Amino acid sequence: MSLKFLIQSLNEGEKDSWETFAYAFGVVGSVVLHAIVLHPTVFLLVHLGMQCRVATSSLIYKKVARNNGNCFSSSCPIFI
């Protein structure tokens, strides 16, 4: 919205008015706020995804390692 008003005020030729500076500050402020809010959120989501992947891999590895020694017969429920 600020970008729309900034372009309109620049097209009207008001390059030194306080409104033009306010709209420019609104555009810059919204970009900075977006970066401040979005970057940590995405970082935490990626970190959580990696933790889930490691936990799942660990559970699968432990299950296979535990059952590897006694699952060589076809009567085992998990036949590898």
N, C-alpha and C. Protein backbone atom coordinates (compact mmCIF):
# COMPACT_ATOMS: atom_id res chain seq x y z
N MET A 1 0.82 -1.17 0.00
CA MET A 1 0.00 0.00 0.00
C MET A 1 0.88 1.26 0.00
N SER A 2 1.94 1.23 0.82
CA SER A 2 2.84 2.38 0.85
C SER A 2 3.53 2.57 -0.49
N LEU A 3 3.84 1.46 -1.13
CA LEU A 3 4.51 1.55 -2.44
C LEU A 3 3.59 2.20 -3.47
N LYS A 4 2.31 1.88 -3.41
CA LYS A 4 1.35 2.49 -4.33
C LYS A 4 1.29 4.01 -4.12
N PHE A 5 1.20 4.43 -2.88
CA PHE A 5 1.13 5.87 -2.59
C PHE A 5 2.45 6.57 -2.89
N LEU A 6 3.57 5.86 -2.69
CA LEU A 6 4.88 6.43 -3.01
C LEU A 6 4.99 6.68 -4.51
N ILE A 7 4.57 5.72 -5.31
CA ILE A 7 4.62 5.91 -6.76
C ILE A 7 3.69 7.02 -7.20
N GLN A 8 2.50 7.09 -6.62
CA GLN A 8 1.57 8.16 -6.98
C GLN A 8 2.12 9.53 -6.61
N SER A 9 2.74 9.64 -5.44
CA SER A 9 3.25 10.95 -5.04
C SER A 9 4.47 11.35 -5.88
N LEU A 10 5.25 10.38 -6.32
CA LEU A 10 6.38 10.70 -7.19
C LEU A 10 5.92 11.09 -8.59
N ASN A 11 4.83 10.46 -9.05
CA ASN A 11 4.29 10.81 -10.37
C ASN A 11 3.67 12.21 -10.38
N GLU A 12 3.17 12.64 -9.24
CA GLU A 12 2.57 13.97 -9.15
C GLU A 12 3.64 15.06 -9.05
N GLY A 13 4.87 14.68 -8.83
CA GLY A 13 5.95 15.66 -8.78
C GLY A 13 6.25 16.18 -7.40
N GLU A 14 5.71 15.58 -6.38
CA GLU A 14 5.97 16.03 -5.01
C GLU A 14 7.18 15.28 -4.47
N LYS A 15 8.37 15.69 -4.87
CA LYS A 15 9.57 14.95 -4.48
C LYS A 15 10.14 15.41 -3.15
N ASP A 16 9.72 16.55 -2.65
CA ASP A 16 10.27 17.07 -1.40
C ASP A 16 9.23 17.14 -0.29
N SER A 17 8.08 16.55 -0.46
CA SER A 17 7.06 16.65 0.58
C SER A 17 7.32 15.59 1.66
N TRP A 18 6.80 15.83 2.81
CA TRP A 18 6.99 14.90 3.93
C TRP A 18 6.22 13.61 3.70
N GLU A 19 5.13 13.67 2.93
CA GLU A 19 4.36 12.46 2.64
C GLU A 19 5.17 11.46 1.82
N THR A 20 5.95 11.97 0.85
CA THR A 20 6.78 11.09 0.04
C THR A 20 7.81 10.39 0.90
N PHE A 21 8.42 11.13 1.81
CA PHE A 21 9.39 10.50 2.71
C PHE A 21 8.73 9.51 3.65
N ALA A 22 7.52 9.81 4.07
CA ALA A 22 6.80 8.89 4.95
C ALA A 22 6.46 7.60 4.21
N TYR A 23 6.04 7.70 2.95
CA TYR A 23 5.73 6.50 2.17
C TYR A 23 7.00 5.68 1.92
N ALA A 24 8.11 6.36 1.64
CA ALA A 24 9.38 5.66 1.44
C ALA A 24 9.80 4.95 2.72
N PHE A 25 9.64 5.61 3.85
CA PHE A 25 9.96 4.99 5.13
C PHE A 25 9.04 3.80 5.39
N GLY A 26 7.79 3.89 4.98
CA GLY A 26 6.85 2.78 5.13
C GLY A 26 7.27 1.57 4.31
N VAL A 27 7.76 1.81 3.10
CA VAL A 27 8.22 0.70 2.26
C VAL A 27 9.45 0.04 2.89
N VAL A 28 10.42 0.85 3.28
CA VAL A 28 11.64 0.31 3.88
C VAL A 28 11.33 -0.37 5.20
N GLY A 29 10.48 0.24 6.01
CA GLY A 29 10.12 -0.36 7.29
C GLY A 29 9.42 -1.69 7.15
N SER A 30 8.54 -1.81 6.16
CA SER A 30 7.85 -3.08 5.98
C SER A 30 8.79 -4.18 5.50
N VAL A 31 9.77 -3.82 4.68
CA VAL A 31 10.75 -4.82 4.23
C VAL A 31 11.62 -5.29 5.40
N VAL A 32 12.05 -4.34 6.23
CA VAL A 32 12.88 -4.70 7.39
C VAL A 32 12.08 -5.54 8.38
N LEU A 33 10.85 -5.16 8.64
CA LEU A 33 10.00 -5.92 9.56
C LEU A 33 9.76 -7.33 9.03
N HIS A 34 9.53 -7.44 7.73
CA HIS A 34 9.34 -8.75 7.12
C HIS A 34 10.57 -9.62 7.31
N ALA A 35 11.75 -9.07 7.11
CA ALA A 35 12.98 -9.83 7.28
C ALA A 35 13.20 -10.22 8.73
N ILE A 36 12.90 -9.32 9.66
CA ILE A 36 13.10 -9.60 11.08
C ILE A 36 12.16 -10.70 11.56
N VAL A 37 10.94 -10.72 11.06
CA VAL A 37 9.97 -11.71 11.50
C VAL A 37 10.13 -13.03 10.76
N LEU A 38 10.35 -12.98 9.47
CA LEU A 38 10.34 -14.20 8.67
C LEU A 38 11.62 -15.01 8.81
N HIS A 39 12.77 -14.39 8.91
CA HIS A 39 14.03 -15.13 8.96
C HIS A 39 14.11 -16.08 10.16
N PRO A 40 13.84 -15.63 11.38
CA PRO A 40 13.90 -16.58 12.51
C PRO A 40 12.84 -17.67 12.41
N THR A 41 11.68 -17.33 11.88
CA THR A 41 10.62 -18.32 11.75
C THR A 41 11.03 -19.43 10.80
N VAL A 42 11.56 -19.09 9.66
CA VAL A 42 12.01 -20.09 8.69
C VAL A 42 13.17 -20.89 9.26
N PHE A 43 14.09 -20.22 9.96
CA PHE A 43 15.22 -20.91 10.57
C PHE A 43 14.73 -21.96 11.57
N LEU A 44 13.77 -21.59 12.43
CA LEU A 44 13.26 -22.54 13.42
C LEU A 44 12.52 -23.70 12.77
N LEU A 45 11.78 -23.44 11.70
CA LEU A 45 11.08 -24.52 11.01
C LEU A 45 12.06 -25.50 10.35
N VAL A 46 13.11 -24.98 9.74
CA VAL A 46 14.12 -25.86 9.14
C VAL A 46 14.84 -26.66 10.21
N HIS A 47 15.15 -26.02 11.33
CA HIS A 47 15.82 -26.69 12.44
C HIS A 47 14.94 -27.81 13.00
N LEU A 48 13.65 -27.54 13.16
CA LEU A 48 12.71 -28.56 13.64
C LEU A 48 12.62 -29.72 12.66
N GLY A 49 12.61 -29.43 11.37
CA GLY A 49 12.58 -30.49 10.36
C GLY A 49 13.81 -31.37 10.42
N MET A 50 14.97 -30.76 10.63
CA MET A 50 16.20 -31.56 10.74
C MET A 50 16.18 -32.42 12.00
N GLN A 51 15.67 -31.89 13.10
CA GLN A 51 15.57 -32.68 14.32
C GLN A 51 14.64 -33.87 14.14
N CYS A 52 13.53 -33.66 13.45
CA CYS A 52 12.60 -34.77 13.18
C CYS A 52 13.25 -35.83 12.30
N ARG A 53 14.02 -35.39 11.31
CA ARG A 53 14.69 -36.33 10.42
C ARG A 53 15.73 -37.15 11.17
N VAL A 54 16.50 -36.52 12.04
CA VAL A 54 17.51 -37.23 12.83
C VAL A 54 16.84 -38.20 13.80
N ALA A 55 15.77 -37.78 14.43
CA ALA A 55 15.07 -38.65 15.38
C ALA A 55 14.49 -39.87 14.67
N THR A 56 13.90 -39.67 13.50
CA THR A 56 13.32 -40.78 12.75
C THR A 56 14.41 -41.74 12.29
N SER A 57 15.51 -41.20 11.80
CA SER A 57 16.62 -42.05 11.36
C SER A 57 17.20 -42.83 12.53
N SER A 58 17.29 -42.20 13.68
CA SER A 58 17.81 -42.87 14.86
C SER A 58 16.90 -44.02 15.30
N LEU A 59 15.60 -43.78 15.27
CA LEU A 59 14.67 -44.85 15.64
C LEU A 59 14.75 -46.02 14.67
N ILE A 60 14.85 -45.75 13.40
CA ILE A 60 14.95 -46.82 12.41
C ILE A 60 16.26 -47.58 12.59
N TYR A 61 17.36 -46.86 12.83
CA TYR A 61 18.65 -47.51 13.01
C TYR A 61 18.63 -48.40 14.25
N LYS A 62 18.06 -47.92 15.36
CA LYS A 62 18.01 -48.72 16.58
C LYS A 62 17.15 -49.96 16.39
N LYS A 63 16.06 -49.83 15.67
CA LYS A 63 15.17 -50.96 15.42
C LYS A 63 15.88 -52.02 14.59
N VAL A 64 16.59 -51.59 13.56
CA VAL A 64 17.30 -52.53 12.70
C VAL A 64 18.46 -53.16 13.46
N ALA A 65 19.20 -52.37 14.23
CA ALA A 65 20.34 -52.90 14.97
C ALA A 65 19.89 -53.88 16.05
N ARG A 66 18.78 -53.62 16.69
CA ARG A 66 18.29 -54.51 17.74
C ARG A 66 17.79 -55.83 17.15
N ASN A 67 17.13 -55.76 16.02
CA ASN A 67 16.54 -56.96 15.43
C ASN A 67 17.48 -57.66 14.45
N ASN A 68 18.64 -57.10 14.21
CA ASN A 68 19.53 -57.68 13.21
C ASN A 68 20.06 -59.03 13.66
N GLY A 69 20.34 -59.20 14.94
CA GLY A 69 20.94 -60.45 15.42
C GLY A 69 19.97 -61.60 15.52
N ASN A 70 18.72 -61.37 15.76
CA ASN A 70 17.79 -62.47 15.99
C ASN A 70 16.68 -62.54 14.94
N CYS A 71 16.84 -61.98 13.79
CA CYS A 71 15.79 -61.99 12.77
C CYS A 71 16.28 -62.61 11.47
N PHE A 72 16.90 -63.75 11.56
CA PHE A 72 17.33 -64.40 10.33
C PHE A 72 16.41 -65.55 9.95
N SER A 73 15.40 -65.79 10.74
CA SER A 73 14.45 -66.86 10.38
C SER A 73 13.20 -66.22 9.81
N SER A 74 12.44 -67.00 9.09
CA SER A 74 11.22 -66.48 8.47
C SER A 74 10.09 -66.34 9.48
N SER A 75 10.27 -66.86 10.69
CA SER A 75 9.22 -66.73 11.71
C SER A 75 9.27 -65.38 12.42
N CYS A 76 10.30 -64.59 12.16
CA CYS A 76 10.42 -63.28 12.77
C CYS A 76 9.40 -62.31 12.16
N PRO A 77 8.73 -61.50 12.97
CA PRO A 77 7.74 -60.57 12.40
C PRO A 77 8.37 -59.52 11.48
N ILE A 78 9.63 -59.16 11.72
CA ILE A 78 10.32 -58.22 10.85
C ILE A 78 11.47 -59.00 10.20
N PHE A 79 11.22 -59.54 9.04
CA PHE A 79 12.22 -60.35 8.36
C PHE A 79 13.03 -59.47 7.42
N ILE A 80 14.32 -59.38 7.67
CA ILE A 80 15.20 -58.53 6.85
C ILE A 80 15.92 -59.40 5.85
